[in-house]
Amino acid sequence: MDVLLIIDMQDASFYESDTVDFDGVISRINPLSEYLRANEGRVTFIQHDGTAEEGLRPNTSGWEILSALTRTDLDIIIRKTTNDAFYNTELHDVLAGINPEKLIISGWATDFCVDTTVRSSVSHNYNVVVASDCHTLSNRPHLQAEQIIEHHNWVWRNLITPAKKVEVSGISDGLLTLRVEECYLNCAKAFRRSSFWEAQSQGKSHDEISRFVKQSKFLD
């Protein structure tokens, strides 16, 4: 089971007009979240509790999660107060109860809460996937948003990690297709194994079972 984190995609985060590829990011997060829900994954929204000056004071209009994002009653919401979605929140405990195979990360802002949560996820020993075209930010005084996104995608690919390297892949790179293929292969493996054990239980001969195994490219 995979878990998708959608970080700080709240109304006040997008009051500025220079957010890069806002509509595109929404159009890619939605099918990714819908795929997770349809394939026994979980979708978790990270919601930042900020200040009135930021427009993110809890229970105000700016604090609300973007209405353009698809949501269901089964989605999880985790509230935070710092850049790190794990700091003083229940996120780690919630994930421990799910035991995700992969933790897919998306949202706002690339250089603050997304970056901090990616690094914290690695430190918590999760198998991290960054959806490379599903995070965004506004221009900064010294760099354009596109440069910052490109830079962070490169940095995350090259982090030194305790286990698997961080996977950085986008919808445009086939991330969703890969998830579908993984699901298909896992289902195929389970079907083949169940058929294998059924053959055994039916008293098939050793030669018959061996031929079955050799014919199956999924039982390596």
C-alpha atoms as a PDB file:
ATOM      1  CA  MET A   1       0.000   0.000   0.000  1.00  0.00           C
ATOM      2  CA  ASP A   2       1.246   3.480  -0.886  1.00  0.00           C
ATOM      3  CA  VAL A   3       0.425   6.732   0.894  1.00  0.00           C
ATOM      4  CA  LEU A   4       0.238  10.105  -0.853  1.00  0.00           C
ATOM      5  CA  LEU A   5       1.038  13.243   1.156  1.00  0.00           C
ATOM      6  CA  ILE A   6      -0.468  16.455  -0.224  1.00  0.00           C
ATOM      7  CA  ILE A   7       1.261  19.237   1.679  1.00  0.00           C
ATOM      8  CA  ASP A   8      -0.143  22.703   2.423  1.00  0.00           C
ATOM      9  CA  MET A   9      -2.304  23.006  -0.682  1.00  0.00           C
ATOM     10  CA  GLN A  10      -4.397  25.712   1.004  1.00  0.00           C
ATOM     11  CA  ASP A  11      -6.113  28.796  -0.349  1.00  0.00           C
ATOM     12  CA  ALA A  12      -3.795  31.390   1.213  1.00  0.00           C
ATOM     13  CA  SER A  13      -0.718  29.671  -0.218  1.00  0.00           C
ATOM     14  CA  PHE A  14      -1.835  30.699  -3.695  1.00  0.00           C
ATOM     15  CA  TYR A  15      -2.940  34.290  -3.219  1.00  0.00           C
ATOM     16  CA  GLU A  16       0.195  35.392  -5.089  1.00  0.00           C
ATOM     17  CA  SER A  17      -0.139  35.207  -8.847  1.00  0.00           C
ATOM     18  CA  ASP A  18       3.387  33.975  -9.628  1.00  0.00           C
ATOM     19  CA  THR A  19       2.876  30.390  -8.442  1.00  0.00           C
ATOM     20  CA  VAL A  20       4.341  28.267 -11.193  1.00  0.00           C
ATOM     21  CA  ASP A  21       2.030  25.858 -13.081  1.00  0.00           C
ATOM     22  CA  PHE A  22      -0.739  26.004 -10.479  1.00  0.00           C
ATOM     23  CA  ASP A  23      -3.415  24.491 -12.720  1.00  0.00           C
ATOM     24  CA  GLY A  24      -1.023  21.848 -14.000  1.00  0.00           C
ATOM     25  CA  VAL A  25      -0.033  20.748 -10.507  1.00  0.00           C
ATOM     26  CA  ILE A  26      -3.690  20.408  -9.500  1.00  0.00           C
ATOM     27  CA  SER A  27      -4.438  18.462 -12.692  1.00  0.00           C
ATOM     28  CA  ARG A  28      -1.659  15.983 -11.861  1.00  0.00           C
ATOM     29  CA  ILE A  29      -2.254  15.606  -8.113  1.00  0.00           C
ATOM     30  CA  ASN A  30      -5.932  14.749  -8.627  1.00  0.00           C
ATOM     31  CA  PRO A  31      -5.459  11.655 -10.830  1.00  0.00           C
ATOM     32  CA  LEU A  32      -2.613  10.519  -8.587  1.00  0.00           C
ATOM     33  CA  SER A  33      -4.816  10.744  -5.497  1.00  0.00           C
ATOM     34  CA  GLU A  34      -7.691   9.060  -7.304  1.00  0.00           C
ATOM     35  CA  TYR A  35      -5.422   6.208  -8.328  1.00  0.00           C
ATOM     36  CA  LEU A  36      -4.249   5.718  -4.715  1.00  0.00           C
ATOM     37  CA  ARG A  37      -7.826   5.587  -3.429  1.00  0.00           C
ATOM     38  CA  ALA A  38      -8.843   3.110  -6.112  1.00  0.00           C
ATOM     39  CA  ASN A  39      -5.929   0.787  -5.333  1.00  0.00           C
ATOM     40  CA  GLU A  40      -6.070   0.466  -1.539  1.00  0.00           C
ATOM     41  CA  GLY A  41      -3.704   3.377  -0.949  1.00  0.00           C
ATOM     42  CA  ARG A  42      -4.335   6.282   1.365  1.00  0.00           C
ATOM     43  CA  VAL A  43      -4.365  10.016   0.717  1.00  0.00           C
ATOM     44  CA  THR A  44      -3.198  12.319   3.500  1.00  0.00           C
ATOM     45  CA  PHE A  45      -3.602  16.081   3.432  1.00  0.00           C
ATOM     46  CA  ILE A  46      -1.110  18.083   5.484  1.00  0.00           C
ATOM     47  CA  GLN A  47      -2.729  21.324   6.615  1.00  0.00           C
ATOM     48  CA  HIS A  48      -0.633  24.158   8.032  1.00  0.00           C
ATOM     49  CA  ASP A  49      -1.877  26.076  11.067  1.00  0.00           C
ATOM     50  CA  GLY A  50      -0.298  29.490  10.594  1.00  0.00           C
ATOM     51  CA  THR A  51      -0.899  33.110  11.517  1.00  0.00           C
ATOM     52  CA  ALA A  52      -3.398  35.732  10.448  1.00  0.00           C
ATOM     53  CA  GLU A  53      -0.556  37.575   8.692  1.00  0.00           C
ATOM     54  CA  GLU A  54       0.103  34.486   6.581  1.00  0.00           C
ATOM     55  CA  GLY A  55      -3.584  34.044   5.910  1.00  0.00           C
ATOM     56  CA  LEU A  56      -3.361  30.584   7.473  1.00  0.00           C
ATOM     57  CA  ARG A  57      -4.993  31.099  10.839  1.00  0.00           C
ATOM     58  CA  PRO A  58      -7.062  27.960  11.540  1.00  0.00           C
ATOM     59  CA  ASN A  59     -10.713  28.005  10.540  1.00  0.00           C
ATOM     60  CA  THR A  60     -10.369  30.996   8.219  1.00  0.00           C
ATOM     61  CA  SER A  61     -10.963  30.968   4.481  1.00  0.00           C
ATOM     62  CA  GLY A  62      -7.265  31.085   3.599  1.00  0.00           C
ATOM     63  CA  TRP A  63      -6.543  28.077   5.810  1.00  0.00           C
ATOM     64  CA  GLU A  64      -8.942  25.824   3.907  1.00  0.00           C
ATOM     65  CA  ILE A  65      -7.644  23.098   1.595  1.00  0.00           C
ATOM     66  CA  LEU A  66      -8.076  24.010  -2.062  1.00  0.00           C
ATOM     67  CA  SER A  67     -11.543  23.095  -3.298  1.00  0.00           C
ATOM     68  CA  ALA A  68     -10.035  22.151  -6.671  1.00  0.00           C
ATOM     69  CA  LEU A  69      -8.429  19.079  -5.076  1.00  0.00           C
ATOM     70  CA  THR A  70     -10.503  15.903  -5.011  1.00  0.00           C
ATOM     71  CA  ARG A  71     -11.200  14.667  -1.493  1.00  0.00           C
ATOM     72  CA  THR A  72     -13.191  11.919   0.183  1.00  0.00           C
ATOM     73  CA  ASP A  73     -14.302  11.209   3.734  1.00  0.00           C
ATOM     74  CA  LEU A  74     -11.682   8.450   3.941  1.00  0.00           C
ATOM     75  CA  ASP A  75      -8.788  10.858   3.402  1.00  0.00           C
ATOM     76  CA  ILE A  76      -6.622  11.684   6.396  1.00  0.00           C
ATOM     77  CA  ILE A  77      -5.906  15.255   7.517  1.00  0.00           C
ATOM     78  CA  ILE A  78      -2.825  16.040   9.609  1.00  0.00           C
ATOM     79  CA  ARG A  79      -2.375  19.554  10.997  1.00  0.00           C
ATOM     80  CA  LYS A  80       1.090  20.998  11.550  1.00  0.00           C
ATOM     81  CA  THR A  81       2.722  24.239  12.706  1.00  0.00           C
ATOM     82  CA  THR A  82       6.247  23.999  11.237  1.00  0.00           C
ATOM     83  CA  ASN A  83       7.810  23.120   7.875  1.00  0.00           C
ATOM     84  CA  ASP A  84       8.211  19.490   8.967  1.00  0.00           C
ATOM     85  CA  ALA A  85       4.976  17.506   8.681  1.00  0.00           C
ATOM     86  CA  PHE A  86       6.313  15.054  11.279  1.00  0.00           C
ATOM     87  CA  TYR A  87       7.255  17.578  13.985  1.00  0.00           C
ATOM     88  CA  ASN A  88       4.802  17.490  16.916  1.00  0.00           C
ATOM     89  CA  THR A  89       2.137  15.816  14.768  1.00  0.00           C
ATOM     90  CA  GLU A  90       0.593  12.350  14.661  1.00  0.00           C
ATOM     91  CA  LEU A  91       1.851  11.696  11.114  1.00  0.00           C
ATOM     92  CA  HIS A  92       4.462   9.101  12.047  1.00  0.00           C
ATOM     93  CA  ASP A  93       1.990   7.205  14.253  1.00  0.00           C
ATOM     94  CA  VAL A  94      -0.645   7.269  11.509  1.00  0.00           C
ATOM     95  CA  LEU A  95       1.849   5.975   8.937  1.00  0.00           C
ATOM     96  CA  ALA A  96       3.087   3.306  11.338  1.00  0.00           C
ATOM     97  CA  GLY A  97      -0.472   1.982  11.492  1.00  0.00           C
ATOM     98  CA  ILE A  98      -0.667   1.855   7.696  1.00  0.00           C
ATOM     99  CA  ASN A  99       2.894   0.617   7.081  1.00  0.00           C
ATOM    100  CA  PRO A 100       3.128   2.053   3.561  1.00  0.00           C
ATOM    101  CA  GLU A 101       5.346   0.471   0.959  1.00  0.00           C
ATOM    102  CA  LYS A 102       6.026   3.912  -0.512  1.00  0.00           C
ATOM    103  CA  LEU A 103       5.419   7.444   0.717  1.00  0.00           C
ATOM    104  CA  ILE A 104       4.645   9.723  -2.234  1.00  0.00           C
ATOM    105  CA  ILE A 105       5.124  13.439  -1.561  1.00  0.00           C
ATOM    106  CA  SER A 106       3.534  16.423  -3.310  1.00  0.00           C
ATOM    107  CA  GLY A 107       2.355  19.925  -2.511  1.00  0.00           C
ATOM    108  CA  TRP A 108       3.481  23.409  -1.540  1.00  0.00           C
ATOM    109  CA  ALA A 109       6.084  24.903  -1.125  1.00  0.00           C
ATOM    110  CA  THR A 110       8.942  23.093  -2.841  1.00  0.00           C
ATOM    111  CA  ASP A 111      11.737  24.814  -0.893  1.00  0.00           C
ATOM    112  CA  PHE A 112      10.105  24.868   2.534  1.00  0.00           C
ATOM    113  CA  CYS A 113       7.515  22.333   3.691  1.00  0.00           C
ATOM    114  CA  VAL A 114       7.933  19.873   0.817  1.00  0.00           C
ATOM    115  CA  ASP A 115      11.729  19.797   1.091  1.00  0.00           C
ATOM    116  CA  THR A 116      11.711  19.562   4.894  1.00  0.00           C
ATOM    117  CA  THR A 117       9.148  16.752   4.852  1.00  0.00           C
ATOM    118  CA  VAL A 118      11.067  14.817   2.182  1.00  0.00           C
ATOM    119  CA  ARG A 119      14.189  14.902   4.335  1.00  0.00           C
ATOM    120  CA  SER A 120      12.276  14.062   7.499  1.00  0.00           C
ATOM    121  CA  SER A 121      10.595  11.129   5.741  1.00  0.00           C
ATOM    122  CA  VAL A 122      14.026   9.779   4.815  1.00  0.00           C
ATOM    123  CA  SER A 123      15.157  10.169   8.431  1.00  0.00           C
ATOM    124  CA  HIS A 124      12.080   8.225   9.527  1.00  0.00           C
ATOM    125  CA  ASN A 125      13.169   5.380   7.192  1.00  0.00           C
ATOM    126  CA  TYR A 126      10.301   5.642   4.728  1.00  0.00           C
ATOM    127  CA  ASN A 127      10.703   4.613   1.110  1.00  0.00           C
ATOM    128  CA  VAL A 128      10.194   8.066  -0.414  1.00  0.00           C
ATOM    129  CA  VAL A 129       8.878   8.976  -3.843  1.00  0.00           C
ATOM    130  CA  VAL A 130       8.694  12.653  -4.784  1.00  0.00           C
ATOM    131  CA  ALA A 131       6.125  13.421  -7.458  1.00  0.00           C
ATOM    132  CA  SER A 132       8.453  15.745  -9.341  1.00  0.00           C
ATOM    133  CA  ASP A 133       5.757  17.678 -11.226  1.00  0.00           C
ATOM    134  CA  CYS A 134       3.264  17.753  -8.348  1.00  0.00           C
ATOM    135  CA  HIS A 135       4.952  20.339  -6.141  1.00  0.00           C
ATOM    136  CA  THR A 136       5.219  24.070  -6.674  1.00  0.00           C
ATOM    137  CA  LEU A 137       6.034  27.490  -5.220  1.00  0.00           C
ATOM    138  CA  SER A 138       6.206  31.181  -6.098  1.00  0.00           C
ATOM    139  CA  ASN A 139       9.240  33.027  -7.411  1.00  0.00           C
ATOM    140  CA  ARG A 140      11.819  33.942  -4.778  1.00  0.00           C
ATOM    141  CA  PRO A 141      13.891  37.165  -4.634  1.00  0.00           C
ATOM    142  CA  HIS A 142      17.015  35.404  -5.953  1.00  0.00           C
ATOM    143  CA  LEU A 143      15.605  32.572  -8.123  1.00  0.00           C
ATOM    144  CA  GLN A 144      12.666  31.789 -10.352  1.00  0.00           C
ATOM    145  CA  ALA A 145      10.290  29.064  -9.222  1.00  0.00           C
ATOM    146  CA  GLU A 146      11.162  26.780 -12.137  1.00  0.00           C
ATOM    147  CA  GLN A 147      14.852  26.856 -11.173  1.00  0.00           C
ATOM    148  CA  ILE A 148      14.065  26.019  -7.560  1.00  0.00           C
ATOM    149  CA  ILE A 149      11.888  23.065  -8.576  1.00  0.00           C
ATOM    150  CA  GLU A 150      14.573  21.730 -10.910  1.00  0.00           C
ATOM    151  CA  HIS A 151      17.260  22.164  -8.253  1.00  0.00           C
ATOM    152  CA  HIS A 152      15.303  20.399  -5.510  1.00  0.00           C
ATOM    153  CA  ASN A 153      14.352  17.498  -7.761  1.00  0.00           C
ATOM    154  CA  TRP A 154      18.078  17.050  -8.425  1.00  0.00           C
ATOM    155  CA  VAL A 155      18.997  17.334  -4.724  1.00  0.00           C
ATOM    156  CA  TRP A 156      16.398  14.769  -3.626  1.00  0.00           C
ATOM    157  CA  ARG A 157      17.636  12.262  -6.207  1.00  0.00           C
ATOM    158  CA  ASN A 158      21.109  12.572  -4.742  1.00  0.00           C
ATOM    159  CA  LEU A 159      20.368  12.512  -1.005  1.00  0.00           C
ATOM    160  CA  ILE A 160      22.398  10.024   1.008  1.00  0.00           C
ATOM    161  CA  THR A 161      19.774   7.722   2.492  1.00  0.00           C
ATOM    162  CA  PRO A 162      19.822   4.824   4.982  1.00  0.00           C
ATOM    163  CA  ALA A 163      18.036   2.472   2.601  1.00  0.00           C
ATOM    164  CA  LYS A 164      16.566   3.053  -0.846  1.00  0.00           C
ATOM    165  CA  LYS A 165      17.401   6.210  -2.761  1.00  0.00           C
ATOM    166  CA  VAL A 166      14.659   8.792  -3.037  1.00  0.00           C
ATOM    167  CA  GLU A 167      12.726   8.215  -6.244  1.00  0.00           C
ATOM    168  CA  VAL A 168      11.923  11.465  -8.057  1.00  0.00           C
ATOM    169  CA  SER A 169       9.439  10.872 -10.835  1.00  0.00           C
ATOM    170  CA  GLY A 170       6.557  12.824 -12.297  1.00  0.00           C
ATOM    171  CA  ILE A 171       3.251  12.117 -13.947  1.00  0.00           C
ATOM    172  CA  SER A 172       4.846  13.307 -17.193  1.00  0.00           C
ATOM    173  CA  ASP A 173       7.648  10.761 -16.613  1.00  0.00           C
ATOM    174  CA  GLY A 174       5.165   7.924 -16.208  1.00  0.00           C
ATOM    175  CA  LEU A 175       4.839   7.910 -12.405  1.00  0.00           C
ATOM    176  CA  LEU A 176       1.162   7.007 -12.559  1.00  0.00           C
ATOM    177  CA  THR A 177       1.804   4.416 -15.273  1.00  0.00           C
ATOM    178  CA  LEU A 178       4.513   2.852 -13.116  1.00  0.00           C
ATOM    179  CA  ARG A 179       2.142   2.662 -10.153  1.00  0.00           C
ATOM    180  CA  VAL A 180      -0.463   0.953 -12.351  1.00  0.00           C
ATOM    181  CA  GLU A 181       2.124  -1.493 -13.693  1.00  0.00           C
ATOM    182  CA  GLU A 182       3.334  -2.291 -10.162  1.00  0.00           C
ATOM    183  CA  CYS A 183      -0.252  -2.940  -9.082  1.00  0.00           C
ATOM    184  CA  TYR A 184      -0.804  -5.195 -12.094  1.00  0.00           C
ATOM    185  CA  LEU A 185       2.375  -7.153 -11.458  1.00  0.00           C
ATOM    186  CA  ASN A 186       1.580  -7.581  -7.768  1.00  0.00           C
ATOM    187  CA  CYS A 187      -1.913  -8.785  -8.588  1.00  0.00           C
ATOM    188  CA  ALA A 188      -0.536 -11.115 -11.251  1.00  0.00           C
ATOM    189  CA  LYS A 189       2.012 -12.540  -8.838  1.00  0.00           C
ATOM    190  CA  ALA A 190      -0.669 -13.139  -6.226  1.00  0.00           C
ATOM    191  CA  PHE A 191      -2.898 -14.840  -8.799  1.00  0.00           C
ATOM    192  CA  ARG A 192      -0.081 -17.025 -10.087  1.00  0.00           C
ATOM    193  CA  ARG A 193       0.960 -18.025  -6.576  1.00  0.00           C
ATOM    194  CA  SER A 194      -2.615 -18.845  -5.612  1.00  0.00           C
ATOM    195  CA  SER A 195      -2.924 -20.971  -8.756  1.00  0.00           C
ATOM    196  CA  PHE A 196       0.389 -22.653  -7.932  1.00  0.00           C
ATOM    197  CA  TRP A 197      -0.762 -23.608  -4.451  1.00  0.00           C
ATOM    198  CA  GLU A 198      -4.125 -24.716  -5.824  1.00  0.00           C
ATOM    199  CA  ALA A 199      -2.278 -27.012  -8.234  1.00  0.00           C
ATOM    200  CA  GLN A 200      -0.355 -28.472  -5.302  1.00  0.00           C
ATOM    201  CA  SER A 201      -3.500 -28.975  -3.265  1.00  0.00           C
ATOM    202  CA  GLN A 202      -5.092 -30.795  -6.181  1.00  0.00           C
ATOM    203  CA  GLY A 203      -2.289 -33.326  -6.166  1.00  0.00           C
ATOM    204  CA  LYS A 204      -0.666 -32.274  -9.418  1.00  0.00           C
ATOM    205  CA  SER A 205       2.556 -34.096 -10.195  1.00  0.00           C
ATOM    206  CA  HIS A 206       5.966 -32.503  -9.673  1.00  0.00           C
ATOM    207  CA  ASP A 207       6.480 -32.308 -13.452  1.00  0.00           C
ATOM    208  CA  GLU A 208       3.108 -30.617 -13.978  1.00  0.00           C
ATOM    209  CA  ILE A 209       3.852 -28.015 -11.310  1.00  0.00           C
ATOM    210  CA  SER A 210       7.348 -27.422 -12.690  1.00  0.00           C
ATOM    211  CA  ARG A 211       5.917 -26.777 -16.159  1.00  0.00           C
ATOM    212  CA  PHE A 212       3.439 -24.319 -14.630  1.00  0.00           C
ATOM    213  CA  VAL A 213       6.239 -22.428 -12.855  1.00  0.00           C
ATOM    214  CA  LYS A 214       8.386 -22.234 -15.977  1.00  0.00           C
ATOM    215  CA  GLN A 215       5.456 -20.880 -17.980  1.00  0.00           C
ATOM    216  CA  SER A 216       4.884 -18.079 -15.466  1.00  0.00           C
ATOM    217  CA  LYS A 217       7.126 -15.052 -15.924  1.00  0.00           C
ATOM    218  CA  PHE A 218       5.839 -13.645 -12.620  1.00  0.00           C
ATOM    219  CA  LEU A 219       7.203 -16.413 -10.381  1.00  0.00           C
ATOM    220  CA  ASP A 220      10.938 -15.675 -10.407  1.00  0.00           C
END
